[in-house]
C-alpha cells in the first residue's frame, strides 16, 4: 500500500507540474522555442495558480488535494515557479480506485514513483501518512507567442521544447527525443474559433495539443495527454488518458482570469 500511495501522490504532483509550468524575447524561428514578449501580467512575480482535478467526470478528489504554485522569479526571459502539493489519505484511496491502479504490480509502481518525481524535479515527503507532500521548483518560458518547457531537457535552459505556439494550426506538430530517450510528438488536434472551452464559469478559446510518446516507460499507466492553451491565460488545462481507459482532467486557474 505504501508504494501505491507514494506513486499516486508523486504522479499527481508531476502531472500538475506538467500542466502548470510551461521574458523579454525576440521572434524565434526555432520550431522548439517560442518568441514574443515576456512582459505579461500572467507572469508577474507573486502570481499564484490553482488546479482542479476531475477523473471520469468526478471531482471528489479535488476536495482532498491542496496545492500552491507561485511565481517566485522572472528574469532574463525565464520564469521560476515553486509548487507545493498535499494529498490526504482519503484522496489517495480515491485516486487508486478511480484510476484503476489496484492491479498494478508493486515493482512497476516503485519505478513509476522514481521516474515521475525525477522528471518533475520534485522532492517527496512521506513522513505524515495522512499528509503526503510533494514540493518542486521549476523554470519555464511563457511569452505572448506561446509556452515552452525544460522538463524534457532536464532543466537545460538552452534547449526549450514548445508545448504550444498560438500561431500553430490543426495538423502542425513537432517531434523530438527527450533526455531519457523518449520520442515525443506534440500535434495540434483542435483550435477554437469561438469561446467554447469551459474554465470555471467562463468559456474561452483554446489550442489543443496532443502529446504522445514512443518507448513510453510506463505504457500501463499513461497513454497520451492533451495540452489546452490560451493566448491570454497560458496553459489552462491538461487532459490525461490512462491505459485503463480513464480520463483525468486538470483545470488550471490563472491569476489573471
C-alpha atoms as a PDB file:
ATOM      1  CA  UNK A   1       0.000   0.000   0.000  1.00  0.00           C
ATOM      2  CA  UNK A   2       2.852   2.404   0.815  1.00  0.00           C
ATOM      3  CA  UNK A   3       4.351   2.217  -2.684  1.00  0.00           C
ATOM      4  CA  UNK A   4       0.904   2.631  -4.240  1.00  0.00           C
ATOM      5  CA  UNK A   5       0.313   5.766  -2.156  1.00  0.00           C
ATOM      6  CA  UNK A   6       3.692   7.305  -2.958  1.00  0.00           C
ATOM      7  CA  UNK A   7       3.201   6.605  -6.648  1.00  0.00           C
ATOM      8  CA  UNK A   8      -0.214   8.274  -6.685  1.00  0.00           C
ATOM      9  CA  UNK A   9       0.984  11.388  -4.877  1.00  0.00           C
ATOM     10  CA  UNK A  10       4.116  11.701  -6.982  1.00  0.00           C
ATOM     11  CA  UNK A  11       2.265  11.121 -10.222  1.00  0.00           C
ATOM     12  CA  UNK A  12      -0.482  13.590  -9.364  1.00  0.00           C
ATOM     13  CA  UNK A  13       2.008  16.304  -8.469  1.00  0.00           C
ATOM     14  CA  UNK A  14       4.122  15.622 -11.543  1.00  0.00           C
ATOM     15  CA  UNK A  15       1.075  15.858 -13.762  1.00  0.00           C
ATOM     16  CA  UNK A  16       0.020  19.101 -12.122  1.00  0.00           C
ATOM     17  CA  UNK A  17       3.529  20.419 -12.641  1.00  0.00           C
ATOM     18  CA  UNK A  18       3.435  19.388 -16.256  1.00  0.00           C
ATOM     19  CA  UNK A  19       0.191  21.233 -16.628  1.00  0.00           C
ATOM     20  CA  UNK A  20       1.238  24.478 -14.903  1.00  0.00           C
ATOM     21  CA  UNK A  21       4.924  25.027 -15.661  1.00  0.00           C
ATOM     22  CA  UNK A  22       5.091  25.665 -19.019  1.00  0.00           C
ATOM     23  CA  UNK A  23      10.601  37.330 -20.699  1.00  0.00           C
ATOM     24  CA  UNK A  24      11.785  39.599 -22.827  1.00  0.00           C
ATOM     25  CA  UNK A  25      12.161  37.700 -26.073  1.00  0.00           C
ATOM     26  CA  UNK A  26      12.613  38.257 -29.768  1.00  0.00           C
ATOM     27  CA  UNK A  27      10.869  36.430 -32.602  1.00  0.00           C
ATOM     28  CA  UNK A  28      12.140  32.854 -32.876  1.00  0.00           C
ATOM     29  CA  UNK A  29      12.431  30.642 -35.943  1.00  0.00           C
ATOM     30  CA  UNK A  30      13.424  27.626 -33.826  1.00  0.00           C
ATOM     31  CA  UNK A  31      10.488  25.152 -34.043  1.00  0.00           C
ATOM     32  CA  UNK A  32      11.193  24.072 -30.465  1.00  0.00           C
ATOM     33  CA  UNK A  33      11.342  27.589 -28.998  1.00  0.00           C
ATOM     34  CA  UNK A  34       8.818  30.421 -28.651  1.00  0.00           C
ATOM     35  CA  UNK A  35       9.398  34.085 -29.430  1.00  0.00           C
ATOM     36  CA  UNK A  36       7.244  37.051 -28.482  1.00  0.00           C
ATOM     37  CA  UNK A  37       7.194  39.320 -25.453  1.00  0.00           C
ATOM     38  CA  UNK A  38       7.623  38.057 -21.930  1.00  0.00           C
ATOM     39  CA  UNK A  39       6.294  41.222 -20.318  1.00  0.00           C
ATOM     40  CA  UNK A  40       2.976  39.665 -19.321  1.00  0.00           C
ATOM     41  CA  UNK A  41       0.576  40.281 -16.438  1.00  0.00           C
ATOM     42  CA  UNK A  42       0.271  36.487 -16.269  1.00  0.00           C
ATOM     43  CA  UNK A  43       3.904  36.001 -15.227  1.00  0.00           C
ATOM     44  CA  UNK A  44       4.395  38.748 -12.665  1.00  0.00           C
ATOM     45  CA  UNK A  45       6.293  37.660  -9.532  1.00  0.00           C
ATOM     46  CA  UNK A  46       3.899  36.663  -6.760  1.00  0.00           C
ATOM     47  CA  UNK A  47       1.136  35.400  -9.047  1.00  0.00           C
ATOM     48  CA  UNK A  48      -0.442  32.173  -7.805  1.00  0.00           C
ATOM     49  CA  UNK A  49      -2.075  29.374  -9.811  1.00  0.00           C
ATOM     50  CA  UNK A  50      -4.511  26.737  -8.594  1.00  0.00           C
ATOM     51  CA  UNK A  51      -5.725  23.461 -10.076  1.00  0.00           C
ATOM     52  CA  UNK A  52      -8.934  21.442 -10.082  1.00  0.00           C
ATOM     53  CA  UNK A  53      -8.924  17.681 -10.721  1.00  0.00           C
ATOM     54  CA  UNK A  54     -11.667  15.620 -12.343  1.00  0.00           C
ATOM     55  CA  UNK A  55     -11.435  11.882 -13.057  1.00  0.00           C
ATOM     56  CA  UNK A  56     -14.101  10.352 -15.257  1.00  0.00           C
ATOM     57  CA  UNK A  57     -16.344  13.335 -14.620  1.00  0.00           C
ATOM     58  CA  UNK A  58     -15.973  13.061 -10.834  1.00  0.00           C
ATOM     59  CA  UNK A  59     -14.466  15.968  -8.897  1.00  0.00           C
ATOM     60  CA  UNK A  60     -14.368  14.289  -5.474  1.00  0.00           C
ATOM     61  CA  UNK A  61     -10.567  14.018  -5.500  1.00  0.00           C
ATOM     62  CA  UNK A  62     -10.131  17.805  -5.539  1.00  0.00           C
ATOM     63  CA  UNK A  63     -11.570  18.054  -2.029  1.00  0.00           C
ATOM     64  CA  UNK A  64      -8.566  16.099  -0.752  1.00  0.00           C
ATOM     65  CA  UNK A  65      -5.778  17.847  -2.661  1.00  0.00           C
ATOM     66  CA  UNK A  66      -4.299  21.176  -1.604  1.00  0.00           C
ATOM     67  CA  UNK A  67      -1.925  22.874  -3.991  1.00  0.00           C
ATOM     68  CA  UNK A  68       0.007  26.122  -4.179  1.00  0.00           C
ATOM     69  CA  UNK A  69       2.001  27.190  -7.220  1.00  0.00           C
ATOM     70  CA  UNK A  70       3.528  30.668  -7.198  1.00  0.00           C
ATOM     71  CA  UNK A  71       5.903  32.602  -9.446  1.00  0.00           C
ATOM     72  CA  UNK A  72       8.992  33.497  -7.432  1.00  0.00           C
ATOM     73  CA  UNK A  73      11.209  34.980 -10.158  1.00  0.00           C
ATOM     74  CA  UNK A  74      11.100  36.360 -13.696  1.00  0.00           C
ATOM     75  CA  UNK A  75      14.495  37.280 -15.041  1.00  0.00           C
ATOM     76  CA  UNK A  76      16.143  37.293 -18.460  1.00  0.00           C
ATOM     77  CA  UNK A  77      13.124  35.749 -20.120  1.00  0.00           C
ATOM     78  CA  UNK A  78      12.869  32.845 -17.655  1.00  0.00           C
ATOM     79  CA  UNK A  79      10.033  32.335 -15.172  1.00  0.00           C
ATOM     80  CA  UNK A  80      10.613  30.324 -11.982  1.00  0.00           C
ATOM     81  CA  UNK A  81       7.728  28.581 -10.231  1.00  0.00           C
ATOM     82  CA  UNK A  82       7.568  26.973  -6.791  1.00  0.00           C
ATOM     83  CA  UNK A  83       4.891  24.375  -6.121  1.00  0.00           C
ATOM     84  CA  UNK A  84       3.741  22.515  -3.022  1.00  0.00           C
ATOM     85  CA  UNK A  85       1.087  19.763  -3.155  1.00  0.00           C
ATOM     86  CA  UNK A  86      -0.671  17.956  -0.304  1.00  0.00           C
ATOM     87  CA  UNK A  87      -2.990  14.964  -0.547  1.00  0.00           C
ATOM     88  CA  UNK A  88      -4.663  13.230   2.364  1.00  0.00           C
ATOM     89  CA  UNK A  89      -5.324   9.510   2.890  1.00  0.00           C
ATOM     90  CA  UNK A  90      -8.895   9.708   1.569  1.00  0.00           C
ATOM     91  CA  UNK A  91      -7.684  11.335  -1.639  1.00  0.00           C
ATOM     92  CA  UNK A  92      -5.058   8.644  -2.040  1.00  0.00           C
ATOM     93  CA  UNK A  93      -7.657   5.870  -1.820  1.00  0.00           C
ATOM     94  CA  UNK A  94      -9.935   7.709  -4.272  1.00  0.00           C
ATOM     95  CA  UNK A  95      -7.125   8.102  -6.795  1.00  0.00           C
ATOM     96  CA  UNK A  96      -6.285   4.424  -6.568  1.00  0.00           C
ATOM     97  CA  UNK A  97      -9.910   3.442  -7.172  1.00  0.00           C
ATOM     98  CA  UNK A  98     -10.803   5.998  -9.855  1.00  0.00           C
ATOM     99  CA  UNK A  99      -7.656   5.369 -11.886  1.00  0.00           C
ATOM    100  CA  UNK A 100      -7.982   1.586 -11.619  1.00  0.00           C
ATOM    101  CA  UNK A 101      -4.427   1.074 -10.394  1.00  0.00           C
ATOM    102  CA  UNK A 102      -5.100  -1.665  -7.827  1.00  0.00           C
ATOM    103  CA  UNK A 103      -3.870  -4.437 -10.116  1.00  0.00           C
ATOM    104  CA  UNK A 104      -0.516  -2.887 -10.997  1.00  0.00           C
ATOM    105  CA  UNK A 105       2.490  -4.776  -9.591  1.00  0.00           C
ATOM    106  CA  UNK A 106       4.428  -3.181  -6.742  1.00  0.00           C
ATOM    107  CA  UNK A 107       7.671  -3.098  -8.743  1.00  0.00           C
ATOM    108  CA  UNK A 108       6.033  -1.069 -11.520  1.00  0.00           C
ATOM    109  CA  UNK A 109       4.640   1.430  -9.052  1.00  0.00           C
ATOM    110  CA  UNK A 110       8.028   1.867  -7.385  1.00  0.00           C
ATOM    111  CA  UNK A 111       9.706   2.504 -10.738  1.00  0.00           C
ATOM    112  CA  UNK A 112       6.975   4.992 -11.640  1.00  0.00           C
ATOM    113  CA  UNK A 113       7.476   6.843  -8.352  1.00  0.00           C
ATOM    114  CA  UNK A 114      11.154   7.353  -9.057  1.00  0.00           C
ATOM    115  CA  UNK A 115      10.583   8.323 -12.693  1.00  0.00           C
ATOM    116  CA  UNK A 116       7.836  10.921 -12.145  1.00  0.00           C
ATOM    117  CA  UNK A 117       9.472  12.504  -9.109  1.00  0.00           C
ATOM    118  CA  UNK A 118      12.749  12.852 -11.011  1.00  0.00           C
ATOM    119  CA  UNK A 119      11.016  14.045 -14.184  1.00  0.00           C
ATOM    120  CA  UNK A 120       9.321  16.854 -12.257  1.00  0.00           C
ATOM    121  CA  UNK A 121      12.492  17.741 -10.373  1.00  0.00           C
ATOM    122  CA  UNK A 122      10.462  17.217  -7.214  1.00  0.00           C
ATOM    123  CA  UNK A 123      11.005  16.035  -3.654  1.00  0.00           C
ATOM    124  CA  UNK A 124       8.554  13.818  -1.799  1.00  0.00           C
ATOM    125  CA  UNK A 125       7.896  13.867   1.958  1.00  0.00           C
ATOM    126  CA  UNK A 126       6.066  10.781   3.249  1.00  0.00           C
ATOM    127  CA  UNK A 127       6.621  11.439   6.964  1.00  0.00           C
ATOM    128  CA  UNK A 128       2.942  12.004   7.711  1.00  0.00           C
ATOM    129  CA  UNK A 129       0.834   9.093   6.452  1.00  0.00           C
ATOM    130  CA  UNK A 130      -2.210  11.387   6.233  1.00  0.00           C
ATOM    131  CA  UNK A 131      -0.439  14.261   4.500  1.00  0.00           C
ATOM    132  CA  UNK A 132       1.899  13.324   1.660  1.00  0.00           C
ATOM    133  CA  UNK A 133       3.728  16.405   0.388  1.00  0.00           C
ATOM    134  CA  UNK A 134       5.427  16.988  -2.953  1.00  0.00           C
ATOM    135  CA  UNK A 135       7.463  20.165  -3.482  1.00  0.00           C
ATOM    136  CA  UNK A 136       9.041  21.307  -6.708  1.00  0.00           C
ATOM    137  CA  UNK A 137      10.790  24.321  -8.190  1.00  0.00           C
ATOM    138  CA  UNK A 138      10.993  24.664 -11.962  1.00  0.00           C
ATOM    139  CA  UNK A 139      11.776  27.150 -14.711  1.00  0.00           C
ATOM    140  CA  UNK A 140       9.799  27.745 -17.901  1.00  0.00           C
ATOM    141  CA  UNK A 141       9.313  30.193 -20.738  1.00  0.00           C
ATOM    142  CA  UNK A 142       5.940  31.900 -21.170  1.00  0.00           C
ATOM    143  CA  UNK A 143       5.511  34.608 -23.794  1.00  0.00           C
ATOM    144  CA  UNK A 144       2.868  36.311 -25.884  1.00  0.00           C
ATOM    145  CA  UNK A 145       3.614  33.741 -28.637  1.00  0.00           C
ATOM    146  CA  UNK A 146       3.413  30.518 -26.636  1.00  0.00           C
ATOM    147  CA  UNK A 147       4.723  28.269 -23.881  1.00  0.00           C
ATOM    148  CA  UNK A 148       7.929  26.204 -23.702  1.00  0.00           C
ATOM    149  CA  UNK A 149       9.151  23.765 -21.048  1.00  0.00           C
ATOM    150  CA  UNK A 150      12.537  22.477 -19.878  1.00  0.00           C
ATOM    151  CA  UNK A 151      11.438  19.193 -18.265  1.00  0.00           C
ATOM    152  CA  UNK A 152      12.305  17.205 -21.388  1.00  0.00           C
ATOM    153  CA  UNK A 153      15.837  18.661 -21.477  1.00  0.00           C
ATOM    154  CA  UNK A 154      16.386  18.148 -17.731  1.00  0.00           C
ATOM    155  CA  UNK A 155      16.383  21.849 -16.990  1.00  0.00           C
ATOM    156  CA  UNK A 156      18.820  22.895 -19.731  1.00  0.00           C
ATOM    157  CA  UNK A 157      17.707  26.480 -20.445  1.00  0.00           C
ATOM    158  CA  UNK A 158      19.444  26.456 -23.831  1.00  0.00           C
ATOM    159  CA  UNK A 159      17.071  23.710 -25.060  1.00  0.00           C
ATOM    160  CA  UNK A 160      13.431  24.769 -24.642  1.00  0.00           C
ATOM    161  CA  UNK A 161      10.690  22.500 -26.002  1.00  0.00           C
ATOM    162  CA  UNK A 162       7.482  24.183 -27.163  1.00  0.00           C
ATOM    163  CA  UNK A 163       4.291  22.970 -25.513  1.00  0.00           C
ATOM    164  CA  UNK A 164       2.127  25.228 -27.627  1.00  0.00           C
ATOM    165  CA  UNK A 165       2.543  28.105 -30.069  1.00  0.00           C
ATOM    166  CA  UNK A 166      -0.525  30.230 -30.588  1.00  0.00           C
ATOM    167  CA  UNK A 167       0.264  30.563 -34.307  1.00  0.00           C
ATOM    168  CA  UNK A 168       0.053  26.786 -34.801  1.00  0.00           C
ATOM    169  CA  UNK A 169      -2.894  25.370 -36.730  1.00  0.00           C
ATOM    170  CA  UNK A 170      -4.572  21.968 -36.734  1.00  0.00           C
ATOM    171  CA  UNK A 171      -2.077  19.376 -38.019  1.00  0.00           C
ATOM    172  CA  UNK A 172       1.071  21.318 -37.068  1.00  0.00           C
ATOM    173  CA  UNK A 173       3.457  19.290 -34.947  1.00  0.00           C
ATOM    174  CA  UNK A 174       6.951  18.934 -33.528  1.00  0.00           C
ATOM    175  CA  UNK A 175       8.810  15.704 -32.742  1.00  0.00           C
ATOM    176  CA  UNK A 176      11.925  15.332 -30.610  1.00  0.00           C
ATOM    177  CA  UNK A 177      13.725  12.852 -28.361  1.00  0.00           C
ATOM    178  CA  UNK A 178      13.988  13.895 -24.732  1.00  0.00           C
ATOM    179  CA  UNK A 179      16.978  13.320 -22.483  1.00  0.00           C
ATOM    180  CA  UNK A 180      15.537   9.997 -21.300  1.00  0.00           C
ATOM    181  CA  UNK A 181      15.481   8.690 -24.877  1.00  0.00           C
ATOM    182  CA  UNK A 182      11.684   9.014 -25.221  1.00  0.00           C
ATOM    183  CA  UNK A 183      10.460  10.163 -28.638  1.00  0.00           C
ATOM    184  CA  UNK A 184       7.765  12.782 -28.075  1.00  0.00           C
ATOM    185  CA  UNK A 185       5.329  14.167 -30.636  1.00  0.00           C
ATOM    186  CA  UNK A 186       3.172  17.227 -29.983  1.00  0.00           C
ATOM    187  CA  UNK A 187       0.460  17.778 -32.605  1.00  0.00           C
ATOM    188  CA  UNK A 188      -2.373  20.316 -32.790  1.00  0.00           C
ATOM    189  CA  UNK A 189      -5.683  18.426 -32.883  1.00  0.00           C
ATOM    190  CA  UNK A 190      -8.090  21.324 -32.353  1.00  0.00           C
ATOM    191  CA  UNK A 191      -8.145  25.121 -32.427  1.00  0.00           C
ATOM    192  CA  UNK A 192     -11.179  27.103 -31.286  1.00  0.00           C
ATOM    193  CA  UNK A 193     -12.823  29.714 -33.471  1.00  0.00           C
ATOM    194  CA  UNK A 194     -15.376  30.598 -30.775  1.00  0.00           C
ATOM    195  CA  UNK A 195     -15.351  30.683 -26.969  1.00  0.00           C
ATOM    196  CA  UNK A 196     -16.154  27.037 -26.299  1.00  0.00           C
ATOM    197  CA  UNK A 197     -13.695  25.726 -23.672  1.00  0.00           C
ATOM    198  CA  UNK A 198     -15.062  25.810 -20.083  1.00  0.00           C
ATOM    199  CA  UNK A 199     -12.892  27.091 -17.258  1.00  0.00           C
ATOM    200  CA  UNK A 200     -14.836  27.807 -14.103  1.00  0.00           C
ATOM    201  CA  UNK A 201     -17.844  29.917 -15.082  1.00  0.00           C
ATOM    202  CA  UNK A 202     -16.209  31.198 -18.270  1.00  0.00           C
ATOM    203  CA  UNK A 203     -15.814  29.988 -21.852  1.00  0.00           C
ATOM    204  CA  UNK A 204     -12.589  30.765 -23.721  1.00  0.00           C
ATOM    205  CA  UNK A 205     -10.822  29.824 -26.954  1.00  0.00           C
ATOM    206  CA  UNK A 206      -8.071  27.197 -26.811  1.00  0.00           C
ATOM    207  CA  UNK A 207      -5.495  25.492 -28.964  1.00  0.00           C
ATOM    208  CA  UNK A 208      -5.322  21.787 -28.048  1.00  0.00           C
ATOM    209  CA  UNK A 209      -2.043  19.919 -28.498  1.00  0.00           C
ATOM    210  CA  UNK A 210      -1.920  16.130 -28.205  1.00  0.00           C
ATOM    211  CA  UNK A 211       1.281  14.644 -26.789  1.00  0.00           C
ATOM    212  CA  UNK A 212       2.218  11.040 -27.488  1.00  0.00           C
ATOM    213  CA  UNK A 213       5.398   9.160 -26.624  1.00  0.00           C
ATOM    214  CA  UNK A 214       7.190   6.246 -28.279  1.00  0.00           C
ATOM    215  CA  UNK A 215       9.001   3.906 -25.913  1.00  0.00           C
ATOM    216  CA  UNK A 216       6.896   5.198 -23.023  1.00  0.00           C
ATOM    217  CA  UNK A 217       8.488   3.638 -19.923  1.00  0.00           C
ATOM    218  CA  UNK A 218       5.064   3.196 -18.282  1.00  0.00           C
ATOM    219  CA  UNK A 219       2.559   2.357 -21.046  1.00  0.00           C
ATOM    220  CA  UNK A 220       0.355   0.631 -18.442  1.00  0.00           C
ATOM    221  CA  UNK A 221      -0.294   3.979 -16.735  1.00  0.00           C
ATOM    222  CA  UNK A 222      -0.473   6.990 -19.084  1.00  0.00           C
ATOM    223  CA  UNK A 223      -1.410   6.566 -22.745  1.00  0.00           C
ATOM    224  CA  UNK A 224      -1.390  10.175 -24.008  1.00  0.00           C
ATOM    225  CA  UNK A 225      -2.071  13.768 -22.948  1.00  0.00           C
ATOM    226  CA  UNK A 226      -3.770  16.818 -24.448  1.00  0.00           C
ATOM    227  CA  UNK A 227      -2.483  20.282 -23.567  1.00  0.00           C
ATOM    228  CA  UNK A 228      -5.025  23.142 -23.596  1.00  0.00           C
ATOM    229  CA  UNK A 229      -3.529  26.612 -24.140  1.00  0.00           C
ATOM    230  CA  UNK A 230      -5.000  30.089 -24.418  1.00  0.00           C
ATOM    231  CA  UNK A 231      -3.258  33.123 -25.931  1.00  0.00           C
ATOM    232  CA  UNK A 232      -4.061  35.319 -22.900  1.00  0.00           C
ATOM    233  CA  UNK A 233      -4.158  32.933 -19.944  1.00  0.00           C
ATOM    234  CA  UNK A 234      -1.408  30.486 -20.944  1.00  0.00           C
ATOM    235  CA  UNK A 235      -1.916  26.843 -20.008  1.00  0.00           C
ATOM    236  CA  UNK A 236      -5.494  26.406 -18.795  1.00  0.00           C
ATOM    237  CA  UNK A 237      -5.774  22.629 -18.705  1.00  0.00           C
ATOM    238  CA  UNK A 238      -4.261  19.206 -19.284  1.00  0.00           C
ATOM    239  CA  UNK A 239      -6.280  16.086 -20.096  1.00  0.00           C
ATOM    240  CA  UNK A 240      -4.609  12.730 -19.448  1.00  0.00           C
ATOM    241  CA  UNK A 241      -5.811   9.467 -20.930  1.00  0.00           C
ATOM    242  CA  UNK A 242      -4.786   6.425 -18.920  1.00  0.00           C
ATOM    243  CA  UNK A 243      -4.111   2.919 -20.159  1.00  0.00           C
ATOM    244  CA  UNK A 244      -7.082   1.766 -18.074  1.00  0.00           C
ATOM    245  CA  UNK A 245      -9.436   3.931 -20.139  1.00  0.00           C
ATOM    246  CA  UNK A 246      -9.805   6.724 -17.583  1.00  0.00           C
ATOM    247  CA  UNK A 247      -9.790  10.435 -18.395  1.00  0.00           C
ATOM    248  CA  UNK A 248      -8.093  12.781 -15.916  1.00  0.00           C
ATOM    249  CA  UNK A 249      -8.679  16.483 -16.458  1.00  0.00           C
ATOM    250  CA  UNK A 250      -6.674  19.182 -14.670  1.00  0.00           C
ATOM    251  CA  UNK A 251      -8.132  22.674 -14.890  1.00  0.00           C
ATOM    252  CA  UNK A 252      -5.514  25.356 -14.244  1.00  0.00           C
ATOM    253  CA  UNK A 253      -6.842  28.689 -12.999  1.00  0.00           C
ATOM    254  CA  UNK A 254      -4.549  31.602 -13.907  1.00  0.00           C
ATOM    255  CA  UNK A 255      -4.391  34.603 -11.549  1.00  0.00           C
ATOM    256  CA  UNK A 256      -5.435  36.993 -14.326  1.00  0.00           C
ATOM    257  CA  UNK A 257      -8.733  35.261 -15.230  1.00  0.00           C
END
